[in-house]
């Protein structure tokens, strides 16, 4: 992936960035829900919020954690059911180069 999208925060407010990183580490800690499902859940939420970059990054992480392309698409289906077609358009933009 290219430069960290939070690079300006890293540079201007490292304390805020550290808080964000600690929260991310807490959310994705091993245990409970398998890691690939945590990434798929986060991916679905990013699709619902219109963040194509987040969808792409999280889908890649989910697949690196063992998720299949079918599981990624199943998460998109569930996201569409709850949030509608806009989330599918976001996911489509994000996933075109990785699926």
C-alpha atoms as a PDB file:
ATOM      1  CA  UNK A   1       0.000   0.000   0.000  1.00  0.00           C
ATOM      2  CA  UNK A   2       1.086   3.590  -0.484  1.00  0.00           C
ATOM      3  CA  UNK A   3       1.814   6.138   2.203  1.00  0.00           C
ATOM      4  CA  UNK A   4      -0.031   5.860   5.483  1.00  0.00           C
ATOM      5  CA  UNK A   5      -3.311   7.790   5.089  1.00  0.00           C
ATOM      6  CA  UNK A   6      -2.754   9.070   8.628  1.00  0.00           C
ATOM      7  CA  UNK A   7       0.770  10.315   7.937  1.00  0.00           C
ATOM      8  CA  UNK A   8      -0.177  13.928   8.707  1.00  0.00           C
ATOM      9  CA  UNK A   9      -1.416  12.778  12.145  1.00  0.00           C
ATOM     10  CA  UNK A  10       1.809  10.804  12.687  1.00  0.00           C
ATOM     11  CA  UNK A  11       3.809  13.923  11.874  1.00  0.00           C
ATOM     12  CA  UNK A  12       1.694  16.533  13.662  1.00  0.00           C
ATOM     13  CA  UNK A  13       0.236  14.657  16.644  1.00  0.00           C
ATOM     14  CA  UNK A  14       2.091  11.404  17.417  1.00  0.00           C
ATOM     15  CA  UNK A  15       0.217  11.065  20.704  1.00  0.00           C
ATOM     16  CA  UNK A  16      -3.128  10.940  18.864  1.00  0.00           C
ATOM     17  CA  UNK A  17      -1.689   8.447  16.386  1.00  0.00           C
ATOM     18  CA  UNK A  18      -0.477   6.233  19.249  1.00  0.00           C
ATOM     19  CA  UNK A  19      -3.985   6.298  20.720  1.00  0.00           C
ATOM     20  CA  UNK A  20      -5.403   5.197  17.360  1.00  0.00           C
ATOM     21  CA  UNK A  21      -2.822   2.435  17.050  1.00  0.00           C
ATOM     22  CA  UNK A  22      -3.522   1.166  20.574  1.00  0.00           C
ATOM     23  CA  UNK A  23      -7.237   1.040  19.780  1.00  0.00           C
ATOM     24  CA  UNK A  24      -6.565  -0.824  16.511  1.00  0.00           C
ATOM     25  CA  UNK A  25      -4.334  -3.324  18.309  1.00  0.00           C
ATOM     26  CA  UNK A  26      -7.033  -3.893  20.928  1.00  0.00           C
ATOM     27  CA  UNK A  27      -9.704  -4.432  18.271  1.00  0.00           C
ATOM     28  CA  UNK A  28      -7.635  -6.937  16.294  1.00  0.00           C
ATOM     29  CA  UNK A  29      -6.078  -8.888  19.155  1.00  0.00           C
ATOM     30  CA  UNK A  30      -6.029 -12.669  18.645  1.00  0.00           C
ATOM     31  CA  UNK A  31      -8.733 -14.561  20.490  1.00  0.00           C
ATOM     32  CA  UNK A  32     -12.490 -14.693  20.512  1.00  0.00           C
ATOM     33  CA  UNK A  33     -13.578 -14.043  16.943  1.00  0.00           C
ATOM     34  CA  UNK A  34     -11.020 -15.383  14.444  1.00  0.00           C
ATOM     35  CA  UNK A  35      -8.876 -12.615  12.963  1.00  0.00           C
ATOM     36  CA  UNK A  36     -10.106 -13.097   9.385  1.00  0.00           C
ATOM     37  CA  UNK A  37     -13.675 -12.434  10.537  1.00  0.00           C
ATOM     38  CA  UNK A  38     -12.624  -9.326  12.433  1.00  0.00           C
ATOM     39  CA  UNK A  39     -11.106  -7.978   9.214  1.00  0.00           C
ATOM     40  CA  UNK A  40     -14.234  -8.913   7.236  1.00  0.00           C
ATOM     41  CA  UNK A  41     -16.412  -7.141   9.788  1.00  0.00           C
ATOM     42  CA  UNK A  42     -14.264  -4.024   9.619  1.00  0.00           C
ATOM     43  CA  UNK A  43     -14.283  -4.242   5.814  1.00  0.00           C
ATOM     44  CA  UNK A  44     -18.084  -4.335   5.786  1.00  0.00           C
ATOM     45  CA  UNK A  45     -18.256  -1.292   8.046  1.00  0.00           C
ATOM     46  CA  UNK A  46     -15.868   0.618   5.794  1.00  0.00           C
ATOM     47  CA  UNK A  47     -18.006  -0.297   2.761  1.00  0.00           C
ATOM     48  CA  UNK A  48     -21.073   0.988   4.593  1.00  0.00           C
ATOM     49  CA  UNK A  49     -19.234   4.227   5.352  1.00  0.00           C
ATOM     50  CA  UNK A  50     -18.025   4.733   1.779  1.00  0.00           C
ATOM     51  CA  UNK A  51     -14.320   4.125   2.419  1.00  0.00           C
ATOM     52  CA  UNK A  52     -13.052   2.249  -0.643  1.00  0.00           C
ATOM     53  CA  UNK A  53      -9.445   2.508   0.551  1.00  0.00           C
ATOM     54  CA  UNK A  54     -10.374   0.938   3.861  1.00  0.00           C
ATOM     55  CA  UNK A  55     -12.342  -1.839   2.144  1.00  0.00           C
ATOM     56  CA  UNK A  56      -9.364  -2.711  -0.063  1.00  0.00           C
ATOM     57  CA  UNK A  57      -6.837  -2.669   2.774  1.00  0.00           C
ATOM     58  CA  UNK A  58      -9.058  -4.730   5.087  1.00  0.00           C
ATOM     59  CA  UNK A  59     -10.001  -7.249   2.387  1.00  0.00           C
ATOM     60  CA  UNK A  60      -6.312  -7.843   1.739  1.00  0.00           C
ATOM     61  CA  UNK A  61      -5.685  -8.276   5.462  1.00  0.00           C
ATOM     62  CA  UNK A  62      -8.654 -10.668   5.726  1.00  0.00           C
ATOM     63  CA  UNK A  63      -7.308 -12.804   2.891  1.00  0.00           C
ATOM     64  CA  UNK A  64      -3.824 -12.784   4.408  1.00  0.00           C
ATOM     65  CA  UNK A  65      -5.482 -14.029   7.609  1.00  0.00           C
ATOM     66  CA  UNK A  66      -7.106 -16.897   5.679  1.00  0.00           C
ATOM     67  CA  UNK A  67     -10.376 -15.501   4.291  1.00  0.00           C
ATOM     68  CA  UNK A  68     -11.362 -16.715   0.836  1.00  0.00           C
ATOM     69  CA  UNK A  69     -12.647 -14.557  -2.003  1.00  0.00           C
ATOM     70  CA  UNK A  70     -16.024 -16.178  -1.422  1.00  0.00           C
ATOM     71  CA  UNK A  71     -15.993 -15.060   2.222  1.00  0.00           C
ATOM     72  CA  UNK A  72     -15.126 -11.521   1.162  1.00  0.00           C
ATOM     73  CA  UNK A  73     -18.066 -11.508  -1.247  1.00  0.00           C
ATOM     74  CA  UNK A  74     -20.370 -13.008   1.365  1.00  0.00           C
ATOM     75  CA  UNK A  75     -19.471 -10.109   3.659  1.00  0.00           C
ATOM     76  CA  UNK A  76     -20.360  -7.727   0.811  1.00  0.00           C
ATOM     77  CA  UNK A  77     -23.756  -9.452   0.442  1.00  0.00           C
ATOM     78  CA  UNK A  78     -24.482  -9.023   4.141  1.00  0.00           C
ATOM     79  CA  UNK A  79     -23.370  -5.403   3.973  1.00  0.00           C
ATOM     80  CA  UNK A  80     -25.755  -4.810   1.067  1.00  0.00           C
ATOM     81  CA  UNK A  81     -28.615  -6.383   3.000  1.00  0.00           C
ATOM     82  CA  UNK A  82     -28.133  -4.027   5.951  1.00  0.00           C
ATOM     83  CA  UNK A  83     -26.780  -0.858   4.294  1.00  0.00           C
ATOM     84  CA  UNK A  84     -27.920  -0.994   0.665  1.00  0.00           C
ATOM     85  CA  UNK A  85     -26.498  -0.660  -2.800  1.00  0.00           C
ATOM     86  CA  UNK A  86     -24.162   2.249  -1.997  1.00  0.00           C
ATOM     87  CA  UNK A  87     -22.012  -0.085   0.075  1.00  0.00           C
ATOM     88  CA  UNK A  88     -21.798  -2.472  -2.891  1.00  0.00           C
ATOM     89  CA  UNK A  89     -20.557   0.300  -5.168  1.00  0.00           C
ATOM     90  CA  UNK A  90     -17.881   1.190  -2.609  1.00  0.00           C
ATOM     91  CA  UNK A  91     -16.874  -2.469  -2.252  1.00  0.00           C
ATOM     92  CA  UNK A  92     -16.791  -2.952  -6.016  1.00  0.00           C
ATOM     93  CA  UNK A  93     -14.456  -0.013  -6.479  1.00  0.00           C
ATOM     94  CA  UNK A  94     -12.179  -1.350  -3.743  1.00  0.00           C
ATOM     95  CA  UNK A  95     -12.170  -5.007  -4.735  1.00  0.00           C
ATOM     96  CA  UNK A  96     -11.769  -4.756  -8.513  1.00  0.00           C
ATOM     97  CA  UNK A  97      -7.980  -5.125  -8.392  1.00  0.00           C
ATOM     98  CA  UNK A  98      -7.744  -7.784  -5.689  1.00  0.00           C
ATOM     99  CA  UNK A  99     -10.455 -10.359  -6.413  1.00  0.00           C
END
